[in-house]
Protein backbone atom coordinates (compact mmCIF):
# COMPACT_ATOMS: atom_id res chain seq x y z
CA UNK A 1 -19.77 2.47 -2.94
CA UNK A 2 -19.46 -1.31 -2.48
CA UNK A 3 -17.63 -2.73 0.50
CA UNK A 4 -17.21 -6.10 -1.19
CA UNK A 5 -14.02 -6.29 -3.17
CA UNK A 6 -12.28 -9.49 -4.13
CA UNK A 7 -8.58 -9.75 -3.41
CA UNK A 8 -8.53 -7.66 -0.19
CA UNK A 9 -8.06 -9.04 3.33
CA UNK A 10 -8.04 -6.93 6.51
CA UNK A 11 -6.25 -8.24 9.61
CA UNK A 12 -6.58 -6.23 12.82
CA UNK A 13 -4.04 -6.59 15.66
CA UNK A 14 -1.53 -7.76 13.07
CA UNK A 15 1.85 -7.48 14.81
CA UNK A 16 2.09 -9.28 18.19
CA UNK A 17 4.80 -6.73 19.16
CA UNK A 18 3.24 -3.67 17.53
CA UNK A 19 5.06 -1.06 19.67
CA UNK A 20 8.44 -2.66 18.86
CA UNK A 21 7.74 -2.42 15.12
CA UNK A 22 6.32 1.10 15.40
CA UNK A 23 9.36 2.32 17.36
CA UNK A 24 11.68 0.69 14.83
CA UNK A 25 9.88 2.62 12.07
CA UNK A 26 9.93 5.95 13.92
CA UNK A 27 13.68 5.66 14.53
CA UNK A 28 14.45 4.60 10.94
CA UNK A 29 16.37 6.76 8.50
CA UNK A 30 14.07 7.98 5.71
CA UNK A 31 15.24 9.21 2.32
CA UNK A 32 13.84 10.09 -1.08
CA UNK A 33 14.16 7.08 -3.39
CA UNK A 34 14.51 7.16 -7.18
CA UNK A 35 12.58 4.04 -8.20
CA UNK A 36 13.00 1.95 -11.36
CA UNK A 37 9.82 3.60 -12.74
CA UNK A 38 11.67 6.95 -12.76
CA UNK A 39 9.59 8.46 -9.94
CA UNK A 40 11.05 9.82 -6.71
CA UNK A 41 9.23 8.48 -3.66
CA UNK A 42 9.49 10.68 -0.56
CA UNK A 43 10.54 9.35 2.85
CA UNK A 44 11.17 5.68 2.16
CA UNK A 45 13.10 3.39 4.48
CA UNK A 46 13.86 0.04 2.87
CA UNK A 47 14.60 -2.12 5.87
CA UNK A 48 13.79 -5.53 7.20
CA UNK A 49 10.58 -4.95 9.16
CA UNK A 50 10.77 -6.93 12.43
CA UNK A 51 8.32 -9.85 12.65
CA UNK A 52 6.79 -9.10 9.23
CA UNK A 53 7.64 -12.35 7.48
CA UNK A 54 6.66 -14.50 10.47
CA UNK A 55 3.39 -12.64 11.03
CA UNK A 56 2.42 -12.80 7.35
CA UNK A 57 3.29 -16.51 7.22
CA UNK A 58 1.26 -17.20 10.38
CA UNK A 59 -1.76 -15.42 8.88
CA UNK A 60 -1.52 -16.37 5.20
CA UNK A 61 0.83 -19.33 4.75
CA UNK A 62 4.23 -19.45 3.07
CA UNK A 63 5.35 -16.29 1.31
CA UNK A 64 8.45 -14.74 -0.24
CA UNK A 65 8.97 -11.02 0.44
CA UNK A 66 10.35 -9.15 -2.58
CA UNK A 67 10.70 -5.68 -1.04
CA UNK A 68 9.78 -4.29 2.37
CA UNK A 69 10.26 -1.26 4.55
CA UNK A 70 8.50 1.84 5.79
CA UNK A 71 6.94 4.88 4.17
CA UNK A 72 6.26 8.21 5.85
CA UNK A 73 4.20 11.05 4.39
CA UNK A 74 3.15 14.37 5.86
CA UNK A 75 0.19 16.73 5.72
CA UNK A 76 -0.17 18.50 2.40
CA UNK A 77 1.87 15.94 0.45
CA UNK A 78 0.08 14.54 -2.57
CA UNK A 79 0.92 10.98 -3.63
CA UNK A 80 3.19 10.18 -6.59
CA UNK A 81 0.14 8.87 -8.42
CA UNK A 82 -3.28 9.25 -6.88
CA UNK A 83 -4.74 5.97 -8.15
CA UNK A 84 -2.40 3.22 -9.27
CA UNK A 85 -1.60 -0.48 -9.37
CA UNK A 86 1.51 -2.19 -8.06
CA UNK A 87 1.52 -4.78 -10.85
CA UNK A 88 5.07 -5.95 -11.36
CA UNK A 89 6.07 -5.70 -7.66
CA UNK A 90 5.08 -9.25 -6.74
CA UNK A 91 1.56 -10.63 -6.67
CA UNK A 92 0.44 -9.13 -3.35
CA UNK A 93 1.01 -6.16 -1.05
CA UNK A 94 0.58 -5.69 2.67
CA UNK A 95 0.22 -2.25 4.26
CA UNK A 96 0.26 -2.05 8.06
CA UNK A 97 -0.81 1.24 9.60
CA UNK A 98 1.62 2.40 12.29
CA UNK A 99 -0.03 5.76 13.17
CA UNK A 100 -3.69 6.70 13.56
CA UNK A 101 -5.03 9.45 11.31
CA UNK A 102 -7.77 10.50 8.93
CA UNK A 103 -6.69 8.18 6.14
CA UNK A 104 -7.02 4.74 4.70
CA UNK A 105 -6.52 2.65 1.59
CA UNK A 106 -9.13 3.02 -1.13
CA UNK A 107 -9.82 0.62 -3.99
CA UNK A 108 -11.14 1.86 -7.33
CA UNK A 109 -12.88 0.91 -10.55
CA UNK A 110 -11.95 2.73 -13.76
CA UNK A 111 -15.24 4.14 -15.10
CA UNK A 112 -14.43 3.90 -18.80
CA UNK A 113 -13.00 0.38 -18.86
CA UNK A 114 -14.91 -1.03 -15.83
CA UNK A 115 -11.72 -2.73 -14.57
CA UNK A 116 -10.62 -2.90 -10.93
CA UNK A 117 -7.16 -4.29 -11.60
CA UNK A 118 -4.39 -3.76 -14.08
CA UNK A 119 -3.13 -6.40 -16.47
CA UNK A 120 -0.16 -6.40 -18.82
CA UNK A 121 -2.48 -5.39 -21.68
CA UNK A 122 -0.72 -2.41 -23.31
CA UNK A 123 -3.90 -0.53 -24.23
CA UNK A 124 -5.28 -0.88 -20.69
CA UNK A 125 -1.99 0.34 -19.19
CA UNK A 126 -2.01 3.42 -21.43
CA UNK A 127 -5.70 4.15 -20.85
CA UNK A 128 -5.62 3.90 -17.06
CA UNK A 129 -2.23 5.61 -16.67
CA UNK A 130 -3.66 8.69 -18.36
CA UNK A 131 -6.33 8.85 -15.63
CA UNK A 132 -4.24 8.05 -12.53
CA UNK A 133 -4.40 11.63 -11.22
CA UNK A 134 -8.00 12.25 -12.29
CA UNK A 135 -10.33 10.97 -9.52
CA UNK A 136 -13.34 11.86 -11.70
CA UNK A 137 -12.37 8.97 -14.00
CA UNK A 138 -12.77 6.45 -11.18
CA UNK A 139 -15.45 5.05 -8.90
CA UNK A 140 -14.39 4.31 -5.37
CA UNK A 141 -15.28 0.71 -4.46
CA UNK A 142 -14.29 0.77 -0.78
CA UNK A 143 -12.00 2.42 1.78
CA UNK A 144 -10.24 0.50 4.54
CA UNK A 145 -9.78 3.07 7.36
CA UNK A 146 -6.46 3.59 9.11
CA UNK A 147 -6.24 1.94 12.51
CA UNK A 148 -3.08 1.22 14.47
CA UNK A 149 -1.79 -2.29 13.76
CA UNK A 150 -4.34 -2.96 11.00
CA UNK A 151 -2.95 -4.81 7.98
CA UNK A 152 -4.51 -4.53 4.54
CA UNK A 153 -3.41 -7.34 2.24
CA UNK A 154 -4.36 -7.03 -1.42
CA UNK A 155 -3.55 -8.22 -4.89
CA UNK A 156 -0.81 -6.00 -6.32
CA UNK A 157 -2.77 -5.59 -9.55
CA UNK A 158 -5.75 -3.84 -7.86
CA UNK A 159 -6.20 -0.12 -8.45
CA UNK A 160 -5.78 1.60 -5.09
CA UNK A 161 -4.67 4.79 -3.37
CA UNK A 162 -4.26 6.27 0.03
CA UNK A 163 -7.41 8.20 0.81
CA UNK A 164 -7.77 11.04 1.22
CA UNK A 165 -4.95 11.55 -1.25
CA UNK A 166 -2.99 13.93 0.98
CA UNK A 167 -1.32 12.53 4.08
CA UNK A 168 -1.45 13.88 7.65
CA UNK A 169 0.84 14.94 10.50
CA UNK A 170 4.30 16.53 10.49
CA UNK A 171 6.60 14.11 12.33
CA UNK A 172 7.31 10.37 12.32
CA UNK A 173 5.22 10.13 15.50
CA UNK A 174 2.06 11.63 13.94
CA UNK A 175 2.50 11.39 10.15
CA UNK A 176 1.09 8.74 7.84
CA UNK A 177 3.51 5.96 8.72
CA UNK A 178 3.13 2.48 7.26
CA UNK A 179 5.06 -0.75 7.04
CA UNK A 180 4.79 -2.12 3.52
CA UNK A 181 5.87 -5.26 1.73
CA UNK A 182 5.50 -6.60 -1.78
CA UNK A 183 5.39 -10.39 -1.80
CA UNK A 184 4.41 -13.63 -3.52
CA UNK A 185 2.95 -16.81 -2.13
CA UNK A 186 5.46 -19.64 -2.21
CA UNK A 187 3.15 -21.87 -4.24
CA UNK A 188 3.09 -19.18 -6.97
CA UNK A 189 6.89 -18.86 -7.06
CA UNK A 190 8.55 -20.92 -9.81
């Protein structure tokens, strides 16, 4: 497993007011969301995350957030798709861990095609989509472990997953709780 993967940046101690953001997330109203892709995503809270835009801008430069909020998953819950790409939801993603737990974000290479990121190539989309829930079809490139207030910023096109695939905990205080945003850099926005 290689720890060197292009397009991934880790920022520890991300939020200056971490407890404020974490408490905001814990007190948020979560619901199951029917997304444009037809999938239902459990325990989503699409809210303005306090300090997110300012903190991202201070760390990365000018950005435009497309969608942001919180996601909460519990022990025994498998993901919607084990390994996937967020291509089409902006150019980049940030995940900020709000609870400690045995988890992280893994990045993958598709064994058959040797690709680490999705493109709009129809054949590649079909080929990799067929393998999204088959970990044997993938090689794990790296895992960024969960740590309170750690941000993982990555290209939306990269194949990734939470890892292990199942979440942890049973409440907002101890479950897999993240702040997430899909965004673009201002210089890329036309």
